Amino acid sequence: MKKVFVYLISILVSILLFVFLGSELLVQYEMFSTGQKRNELGEDLGLGILLFMGLVPELIIGILFGTYVGKRINTKISST
C-alpha cells in the first residue's frame, strides 16, 4: 500500500508541475509572438488551441517522470 501511495503522490505532483510549467511556457511564447500583454490574451483563440495541444505531451511527460521518481523513492524506502 505504501508503494502505491508513493507512486500516486509522485505522479500527481509531477503532472501538476509539468502542466503548470508547460502552460506558462506556451503563454510566454504567445505573448512574445503576438506582442500582447497577459491581460489581452483572454480573447486569443490561438492561445487556447496551443494550450489544448500542449496538454497531452505535458501529461505524458508528467506521468513518465512521476513514475521514474516513484520508482527511485520506492527503491530507497525498500532498501532501508
PDB file of N, CA and C in Angstrom:
ATOM      1  N   MET A   1       0.819  -1.189   0.000  1.00  0.00           N
ATOM      2  CA  MET A   1       0.000   0.000   0.000  1.00  0.00           C
ATOM      3  C   MET A   1       0.869   1.261   0.000  1.00  0.00           C
ATOM      4  N   LYS A   2       2.011   1.192   0.708  1.00  0.00           N
ATOM      5  CA  LYS A   2       2.901   2.334   0.768  1.00  0.00           C
ATOM      6  C   LYS A   2       3.499   2.631  -0.612  1.00  0.00           C
ATOM      7  N   LYS A   3       3.779   1.586  -1.388  1.00  0.00           N
ATOM      8  CA  LYS A   3       4.339   1.776  -2.726  1.00  0.00           C
ATOM      9  C   LYS A   3       3.335   2.482  -3.644  1.00  0.00           C
ATOM     10  N   VAL A   4       2.093   2.078  -3.564  1.00  0.00           N
ATOM     11  CA  VAL A   4       1.057   2.698  -4.396  1.00  0.00           C
ATOM     12  C   VAL A   4       0.903   4.162  -4.015  1.00  0.00           C
ATOM     13  N   PHE A   5       0.935   4.448  -2.738  1.00  0.00           N
ATOM     14  CA  PHE A   5       0.807   5.831  -2.270  1.00  0.00           C
ATOM     15  C   PHE A   5       1.965   6.694  -2.759  1.00  0.00           C
ATOM     16  N   VAL A   6       3.185   6.152  -2.718  1.00  0.00           N
ATOM     17  CA  VAL A   6       4.356   6.906  -3.182  1.00  0.00           C
ATOM     18  C   VAL A   6       4.243   7.163  -4.681  1.00  0.00           C
ATOM     19  N   TYR A   7       3.866   6.145  -5.454  1.00  0.00           N
ATOM     20  CA  TYR A   7       3.685   6.336  -6.893  1.00  0.00           C
ATOM     21  C   TYR A   7       2.595   7.368  -7.183  1.00  0.00           C
ATOM     22  N   LEU A   8       1.491   7.277  -6.488  1.00  0.00           N
ATOM     23  CA  LEU A   8       0.368   8.180  -6.723  1.00  0.00           C
ATOM     24  C   LEU A   8       0.744   9.638  -6.432  1.00  0.00           C
ATOM     25  N   ILE A   9       1.384   9.862  -5.310  1.00  0.00           N
ATOM     26  CA  ILE A   9       1.781  11.220  -4.946  1.00  0.00           C
ATOM     27  C   ILE A   9       2.818  11.759  -5.925  1.00  0.00           C
ATOM     28  N   SER A  10       3.817  10.951  -6.273  1.00  0.00           N
ATOM     29  CA  SER A  10       4.863  11.441  -7.178  1.00  0.00           C
ATOM     30  C   SER A  10       4.305  11.716  -8.570  1.00  0.00           C
ATOM     31  N   ILE A  11       3.386  10.909  -9.054  1.00  0.00           N
ATOM     32  CA  ILE A  11       2.794  11.140 -10.372  1.00  0.00           C
ATOM     33  C   ILE A  11       1.911  12.381 -10.351  1.00  0.00           C
ATOM     34  N   LEU A  12       1.107  12.552  -9.326  1.00  0.00           N
ATOM     35  CA  LEU A  12       0.240  13.733  -9.253  1.00  0.00           C
ATOM     36  C   LEU A  12       1.035  15.031  -9.156  1.00  0.00           C
ATOM     37  N   VAL A  13       2.068  15.023  -8.339  1.00  0.00           N
ATOM     38  CA  VAL A  13       2.884  16.232  -8.184  1.00  0.00           C
ATOM     39  C   VAL A  13       3.614  16.552  -9.483  1.00  0.00           C
ATOM     40  N   SER A  14       4.159  15.533 -10.144  1.00  0.00           N
ATOM     41  CA  SER A  14       4.892  15.814 -11.379  1.00  0.00           C
ATOM     42  C   SER A  14       3.957  16.236 -12.512  1.00  0.00           C
ATOM     43  N   ILE A  15       2.742  15.691 -12.566  1.00  0.00           N
ATOM     44  CA  ILE A  15       1.776  16.135 -13.576  1.00  0.00           C
ATOM     45  C   ILE A  15       1.426  17.599 -13.348  1.00  0.00           C
ATOM     46  N   LEU A  16       1.144  17.979 -12.110  1.00  0.00           N
ATOM     47  CA  LEU A  16       0.837  19.376 -11.815  1.00  0.00           C
ATOM     48  C   LEU A  16       2.002  20.297 -12.162  1.00  0.00           C
ATOM     49  N   LEU A  17       3.205  19.869 -11.852  1.00  0.00           N
ATOM     50  CA  LEU A  17       4.379  20.669 -12.130  1.00  0.00           C
ATOM     51  C   LEU A  17       4.589  20.853 -13.629  1.00  0.00           C
ATOM     52  N   PHE A  18       4.509  19.767 -14.390  1.00  0.00           N
ATOM     53  CA  PHE A  18       4.744  19.863 -15.826  1.00  0.00           C
ATOM     54  C   PHE A  18       3.629  20.603 -16.546  1.00  0.00           C
ATOM     55  N   VAL A  19       2.401  20.440 -16.124  1.00  0.00           N
ATOM     56  CA  VAL A  19       1.301  21.177 -16.752  1.00  0.00           C
ATOM     57  C   VAL A  19       1.433  22.666 -16.459  1.00  0.00           C
ATOM     58  N   PHE A  20       1.788  23.026 -15.244  1.00  0.00           N
ATOM     59  CA  PHE A  20       1.970  24.435 -14.905  1.00  0.00           C
ATOM     60  C   PHE A  20       3.120  25.047 -15.695  1.00  0.00           C
ATOM     61  N   LEU A  21       4.261  24.370 -15.708  1.00  0.00           N
ATOM     62  CA  LEU A  21       5.416  24.913 -16.420  1.00  0.00           C
ATOM     63  C   LEU A  21       5.180  24.964 -17.924  1.00  0.00           C
ATOM     64  N   GLY A  22       4.575  23.931 -18.472  1.00  0.00           N
ATOM     65  CA  GLY A  22       4.304  23.907 -19.906  1.00  0.00           C
ATOM     66  C   GLY A  22       3.317  24.973 -20.328  1.00  0.00           C
ATOM     67  N   SER A  23       2.273  25.156 -19.550  1.00  0.00           N
ATOM     68  CA  SER A  23       1.302  26.186 -19.909  1.00  0.00           C
ATOM     69  C   SER A  23       1.901  27.579 -19.766  1.00  0.00           C
ATOM     70  N   GLU A  24       2.753  27.780 -18.786  1.00  0.00           N
ATOM     71  CA  GLU A  24       3.418  29.079 -18.656  1.00  0.00           C
ATOM     72  C   GLU A  24       4.359  29.329 -19.831  1.00  0.00           C
ATOM     73  N   LEU A  25       5.062  28.307 -20.282  1.00  0.00           N
ATOM     74  CA  LEU A  25       5.909  28.466 -21.461  1.00  0.00           C
ATOM     75  C   LEU A  25       5.094  28.807 -22.698  1.00  0.00           C
ATOM     76  N   LEU A  26       3.953  28.169 -22.855  1.00  0.00           N
ATOM     77  CA  LEU A  26       3.106  28.460 -24.003  1.00  0.00           C
ATOM     78  C   LEU A  26       2.538  29.878 -23.943  1.00  0.00           C
ATOM     79  N   VAL A  27       2.176  30.334 -22.762  1.00  0.00           N
ATOM     80  CA  VAL A  27       1.674  31.700 -22.613  1.00  0.00           C
ATOM     81  C   VAL A  27       2.783  32.699 -22.919  1.00  0.00           C
ATOM     82  N   GLN A  28       3.983  32.438 -22.428  1.00  0.00           N
ATOM     83  CA  GLN A  28       5.104  33.340 -22.710  1.00  0.00           C
ATOM     84  C   GLN A  28       5.421  33.366 -24.202  1.00  0.00           C
ATOM     85  N   TYR A  29       5.348  32.223 -24.858  1.00  0.00           N
ATOM     86  CA  TYR A  29       5.580  32.168 -26.300  1.00  0.00           C
ATOM     87  C   TYR A  29       4.524  32.970 -27.048  1.00  0.00           C
ATOM     88  N   GLU A  30       3.272  32.826 -26.650  1.00  0.00           N
ATOM     89  CA  GLU A  30       2.187  33.562 -27.308  1.00  0.00           C
ATOM     90  C   GLU A  30       2.330  35.060 -27.073  1.00  0.00           C
ATOM     91  N   MET A  31       2.734  35.457 -25.886  1.00  0.00           N
ATOM     92  CA  MET A  31       2.940  36.879 -25.611  1.00  0.00           C
ATOM     93  C   MET A  31       4.094  37.419 -26.443  1.00  0.00           C
ATOM     94  N   PHE A  32       5.142  36.649 -26.600  1.00  0.00           N
ATOM     95  CA  PHE A  32       6.296  37.081 -27.385  1.00  0.00           C
ATOM     96  C   PHE A  32       5.956  37.165 -28.872  1.00  0.00           C
ATOM     97  N   SER A  33       5.226  36.178 -29.386  1.00  0.00           N
ATOM     98  CA  SER A  33       4.966  36.141 -30.817  1.00  0.00           C
ATOM     99  C   SER A  33       3.900  37.145 -31.260  1.00  0.00           C
ATOM    100  N   THR A  34       2.921  37.454 -30.405  1.00  0.00           N
ATOM    101  CA  THR A  34       1.869  38.385 -30.798  1.00  0.00           C
ATOM    102  C   THR A  34       2.096  39.793 -30.278  1.00  0.00           C
ATOM    103  N   GLY A  35       2.940  39.947 -29.292  1.00  0.00           N
ATOM    104  CA  GLY A  35       3.194  41.268 -28.733  1.00  0.00           C
ATOM    105  C   GLY A  35       2.115  41.745 -27.780  1.00  0.00           C
ATOM    106  N   GLN A  36       1.214  40.853 -27.369  1.00  0.00           N
ATOM    107  CA  GLN A  36       0.143  41.223 -26.451  1.00  0.00           C
ATOM    108  C   GLN A  36       0.613  41.098 -25.012  1.00  0.00           C
ATOM    109  N   LYS A  37      -0.103  41.751 -24.133  1.00  0.00           N
ATOM    110  CA  LYS A  37       0.147  41.606 -22.698  1.00  0.00           C
ATOM    111  C   LYS A  37      -0.716  40.460 -22.173  1.00  0.00           C
ATOM    112  N   ARG A  38      -0.427  40.036 -20.938  1.00  0.00           N
ATOM    113  CA  ARG A  38      -1.126  38.880 -20.373  1.00  0.00           C
ATOM    114  C   ARG A  38      -2.627  39.106 -20.252  1.00  0.00           C
ATOM    115  N   ASN A  39      -3.053  40.319 -19.912  1.00  0.00           N
ATOM    116  CA  ASN A  39      -4.479  40.562 -19.738  1.00  0.00           C
ATOM    117  C   ASN A  39      -5.214  40.665 -21.074  1.00  0.00           C
ATOM    118  N   GLU A  40      -4.522  40.768 -22.186  1.00  0.00           N
ATOM    119  CA  GLU A  40      -5.154  40.810 -23.504  1.00  0.00           C
ATOM    120  C   GLU A  40      -5.285  39.434 -24.136  1.00  0.00           C
ATOM    121  N   LEU A  41      -4.728  38.411 -23.521  1.00  0.00           N
ATOM    122  CA  LEU A  41      -4.714  37.076 -24.120  1.00  0.00           C
ATOM    123  C   LEU A  41      -6.026  36.324 -23.952  1.00  0.00           C
ATOM    124  N   GLY A  42      -6.956  36.843 -23.190  1.00  0.00           N
ATOM    125  CA  GLY A  42      -8.229  36.163 -22.965  1.00  0.00           C
ATOM    126  C   GLY A  42      -9.068  36.032 -24.226  1.00  0.00           C
ATOM    127  N   GLU A  43      -8.878  36.912 -25.185  1.00  0.00           N
ATOM    128  CA  GLU A  43      -9.649  36.888 -26.420  1.00  0.00           C
ATOM    129  C   GLU A  43      -8.926  36.141 -27.538  1.00  0.00           C
ATOM    130  N   ASP A  44      -7.763  35.568 -27.252  1.00  0.00           N
ATOM    131  CA  ASP A  44      -6.948  34.942 -28.283  1.00  0.00           C
ATOM    132  C   ASP A  44      -7.276  33.457 -28.390  1.00  0.00           C
ATOM    133  N   LEU A  45      -7.864  33.054 -29.515  1.00  0.00           N
ATOM    134  CA  LEU A  45      -8.216  31.650 -29.723  1.00  0.00           C
ATOM    135  C   LEU A  45      -6.976  30.804 -29.966  1.00  0.00           C
ATOM    136  N   GLY A  46      -5.945  31.407 -30.548  1.00  0.00           N
ATOM    137  CA  GLY A  46      -4.713  30.663 -30.809  1.00  0.00           C
ATOM    138  C   GLY A  46      -4.065  30.156 -29.544  1.00  0.00           C
ATOM    139  N   LEU A  47      -4.137  30.941 -28.481  1.00  0.00           N
ATOM    140  CA  LEU A  47      -3.574  30.502 -27.205  1.00  0.00           C
ATOM    141  C   LEU A  47      -4.344  29.308 -26.659  1.00  0.00           C
ATOM    142  N   GLY A  48      -5.652  29.326 -26.788  1.00  0.00           N
ATOM    143  CA  GLY A  48      -6.452  28.186 -26.334  1.00  0.00           C
ATOM    144  C   GLY A  48      -6.107  26.915 -27.088  1.00  0.00           C
ATOM    145  N   ILE A  49      -5.903  27.042 -28.379  1.00  0.00           N
ATOM    146  CA  ILE A  49      -5.525  25.874 -29.177  1.00  0.00           C
ATOM    147  C   ILE A  49      -4.136  25.392 -28.789  1.00  0.00           C
ATOM    148  N   LEU A  50      -3.198  26.327 -28.580  1.00  0.00           N
ATOM    149  CA  LEU A  50      -1.857  25.940 -28.141  1.00  0.00           C
ATOM    150  C   LEU A  50      -1.895  25.220 -26.800  1.00  0.00           C
ATOM    151  N   LEU A  51      -2.670  25.752 -25.871  1.00  0.00           N
ATOM    152  CA  LEU A  51      -2.758  25.112 -24.557  1.00  0.00           C
ATOM    153  C   LEU A  51      -3.400  23.735 -24.645  1.00  0.00           C
ATOM    154  N   PHE A  52      -4.422  23.613 -25.488  1.00  0.00           N
ATOM    155  CA  PHE A  52      -5.085  22.323 -25.641  1.00  0.00           C
ATOM    156  C   PHE A  52      -4.158  21.289 -26.267  1.00  0.00           C
ATOM    157  N   MET A  53      -3.411  21.697 -27.290  1.00  0.00           N
ATOM    158  CA  MET A  53      -2.498  20.767 -27.957  1.00  0.00           C
ATOM    159  C   MET A  53      -1.273  20.455 -27.092  1.00  0.00           C
ATOM    160  N   GLY A  54      -0.900  21.373 -26.220  1.00  0.00           N
ATOM    161  CA  GLY A  54       0.249  21.146 -25.363  1.00  0.00           C
ATOM    162  C   GLY A  54      -0.074  20.330 -24.132  1.00  0.00           C
ATOM    163  N   LEU A  55      -1.337  20.120 -23.850  1.00  0.00           N
ATOM    164  CA  LEU A  55      -1.724  19.406 -22.633  1.00  0.00           C
ATOM    165  C   LEU A  55      -1.349  17.925 -22.673  1.00  0.00           C
ATOM    166  N   VAL A  56      -1.535  17.292 -23.797  1.00  0.00           N
ATOM    167  CA  VAL A  56      -1.265  15.849 -23.893  1.00  0.00           C
ATOM    168  C   VAL A  56       0.219  15.536 -23.693  1.00  0.00           C
ATOM    169  N   PRO A  57       1.151  16.216 -24.373  1.00  0.00           N
ATOM    170  CA  PRO A  57       2.563  15.925 -24.091  1.00  0.00           C
ATOM    171  C   PRO A  57       2.966  16.244 -22.653  1.00  0.00           C
ATOM    172  N   GLU A  58       2.383  17.297 -22.091  1.00  0.00           N
ATOM    173  CA  GLU A  58       2.702  17.630 -20.701  1.00  0.00           C
ATOM    174  C   GLU A  58       2.240  16.527 -19.755  1.00  0.00           C
ATOM    175  N   LEU A  59       1.060  15.979 -20.012  1.00  0.00           N
ATOM    176  CA  LEU A  59       0.563  14.884 -19.172  1.00  0.00           C
ATOM    177  C   LEU A  59       1.428  13.637 -19.310  1.00  0.00           C
ATOM    178  N   ILE A  60       1.815  13.310 -20.529  1.00  0.00           N
ATOM    179  CA  ILE A  60       2.637  12.114 -20.754  1.00  0.00           C
ATOM    180  C   ILE A  60       3.997  12.267 -20.087  1.00  0.00           C
ATOM    181  N   ILE A  61       4.625  13.419 -20.265  1.00  0.00           N
ATOM    182  CA  ILE A  61       5.928  13.656 -19.632  1.00  0.00           C
ATOM    183  C   ILE A  61       5.792  13.634 -18.114  1.00  0.00           C
ATOM    184  N   GLY A  62       4.722  14.204 -17.583  1.00  0.00           N
ATOM    185  CA  GLY A  62       4.498  14.191 -16.140  1.00  0.00           C
ATOM    186  C   GLY A  62       4.308  12.787 -15.588  1.00  0.00           C
ATOM    187  N   ILE A  63       3.560  11.960 -16.318  1.00  0.00           N
ATOM    188  CA  ILE A  63       3.348  10.578 -15.875  1.00  0.00           C
ATOM    189  C   ILE A  63       4.655   9.796 -15.899  1.00  0.00           C
ATOM    190  N   LEU A  64       5.429   9.953 -16.972  1.00  0.00           N
ATOM    191  CA  LEU A  64       6.700   9.224 -17.069  1.00  0.00           C
ATOM    192  C   LEU A  64       7.691   9.679 -16.000  1.00  0.00           C
ATOM    193  N   PHE A  65       7.788  10.974 -15.798  1.00  0.00           N
ATOM    194  CA  PHE A  65       8.700  11.486 -14.777  1.00  0.00           C
ATOM    195  C   PHE A  65       8.248  11.088 -13.380  1.00  0.00           C
ATOM    196  N   GLY A  66       6.943  11.140 -13.124  1.00  0.00           N
ATOM    197  CA  GLY A  66       6.420  10.730 -11.824  1.00  0.00           C
ATOM    198  C   GLY A  66       6.652   9.256 -11.544  1.00  0.00           C
ATOM    199  N   THR A  67       6.517   8.431 -12.569  1.00  0.00           N
ATOM    200  CA  THR A  67       6.788   7.002 -12.413  1.00  0.00           C
ATOM    201  C   THR A  67       8.259   6.766 -12.099  1.00  0.00           C
ATOM    202  N   TYR A  68       9.132   7.492 -12.788  1.00  0.00           N
ATOM    203  CA  TYR A  68      10.567   7.360 -12.538  1.00  0.00           C
ATOM    204  C   TYR A  68      10.913   7.781 -11.108  1.00  0.00           C
ATOM    205  N   VAL A  69      10.389   8.917 -10.688  1.00  0.00           N
ATOM    206  CA  VAL A  69      10.665   9.398  -9.328  1.00  0.00           C
ATOM    207  C   VAL A  69      10.077   8.442  -8.288  1.00  0.00           C
ATOM    208  N   GLY A  70       8.869   7.950  -8.533  1.00  0.00           N
ATOM    209  CA  GLY A  70       8.254   6.994  -7.616  1.00  0.00           C
ATOM    210  C   GLY A  70       9.057   5.715  -7.496  1.00  0.00           C
ATOM    211  N   LYS A  71       9.600   5.263  -8.617  1.00  0.00           N
ATOM    212  CA  LYS A  71      10.423   4.051  -8.610  1.00  0.00           C
ATOM    213  C   LYS A  71      11.699   4.277  -7.798  1.00  0.00           C
ATOM    214  N   ARG A  72      12.310   5.451  -7.981  1.00  0.00           N
ATOM    215  CA  ARG A  72      13.530   5.764  -7.226  1.00  0.00           C
ATOM    216  C   ARG A  72      13.242   5.873  -5.726  1.00  0.00           C
ATOM    217  N   ILE A  73      12.143   6.494  -5.373  1.00  0.00           N
ATOM    218  CA  ILE A  73      11.792   6.637  -3.956  1.00  0.00           C
ATOM    219  C   ILE A  73      11.475   5.274  -3.351  1.00  0.00           C
ATOM    220  N   ASN A  74      10.759   4.440  -4.082  1.00  0.00           N
ATOM    221  CA  ASN A  74      10.415   3.113  -3.560  1.00  0.00           C
ATOM    222  C   ASN A  74      11.658   2.246  -3.372  1.00  0.00           C
ATOM    223  N   THR A  75      12.647   2.367  -4.249  1.00  0.00           N
ATOM    224  CA  THR A  75      13.864   1.578  -4.044  1.00  0.00           C
ATOM    225  C   THR A  75      14.628   2.078  -2.826  1.00  0.00           C
ATOM    226  N   LYS A  76      14.611   3.383  -2.581  1.00  0.00           N
ATOM    227  CA  LYS A  76      15.272   3.919  -1.380  1.00  0.00           C
ATOM    228  C   LYS A  76      14.538   3.476  -0.101  1.00  0.00           C
ATOM    229  N   ILE A  77      13.202   3.452  -0.149  1.00  0.00           N
ATOM    230  CA  ILE A  77      12.427   3.057   1.016  1.00  0.00           C
ATOM    231  C   ILE A  77      12.602   1.566   1.311  1.00  0.00           C
ATOM    232  N   SER A  78      12.564   0.750   0.259  1.00  0.00           N
ATOM    233  CA  SER A  78      12.632  -0.698   0.470  1.00  0.00           C
ATOM    234  C   SER A  78      14.037  -1.166   0.821  1.00  0.00           C
ATOM    235  N   SER A  79      15.082  -0.382   0.487  1.00  0.00           N
ATOM    236  CA  SER A  79      16.442  -0.803   0.803  1.00  0.00           C
ATOM    237  C   SER A  79      16.823  -0.510   2.245  1.00  0.00           C
ATOM    238  N   THR A  80      16.053   0.354   2.913  1.00  0.00           N
ATOM    239  CA  THR A  80      16.406   0.678   4.307  1.00  0.00           C
ATOM    240  C   THR A  80      15.729  -0.242   5.272  1.00  0.00           C
TER     241      THR A  80
END
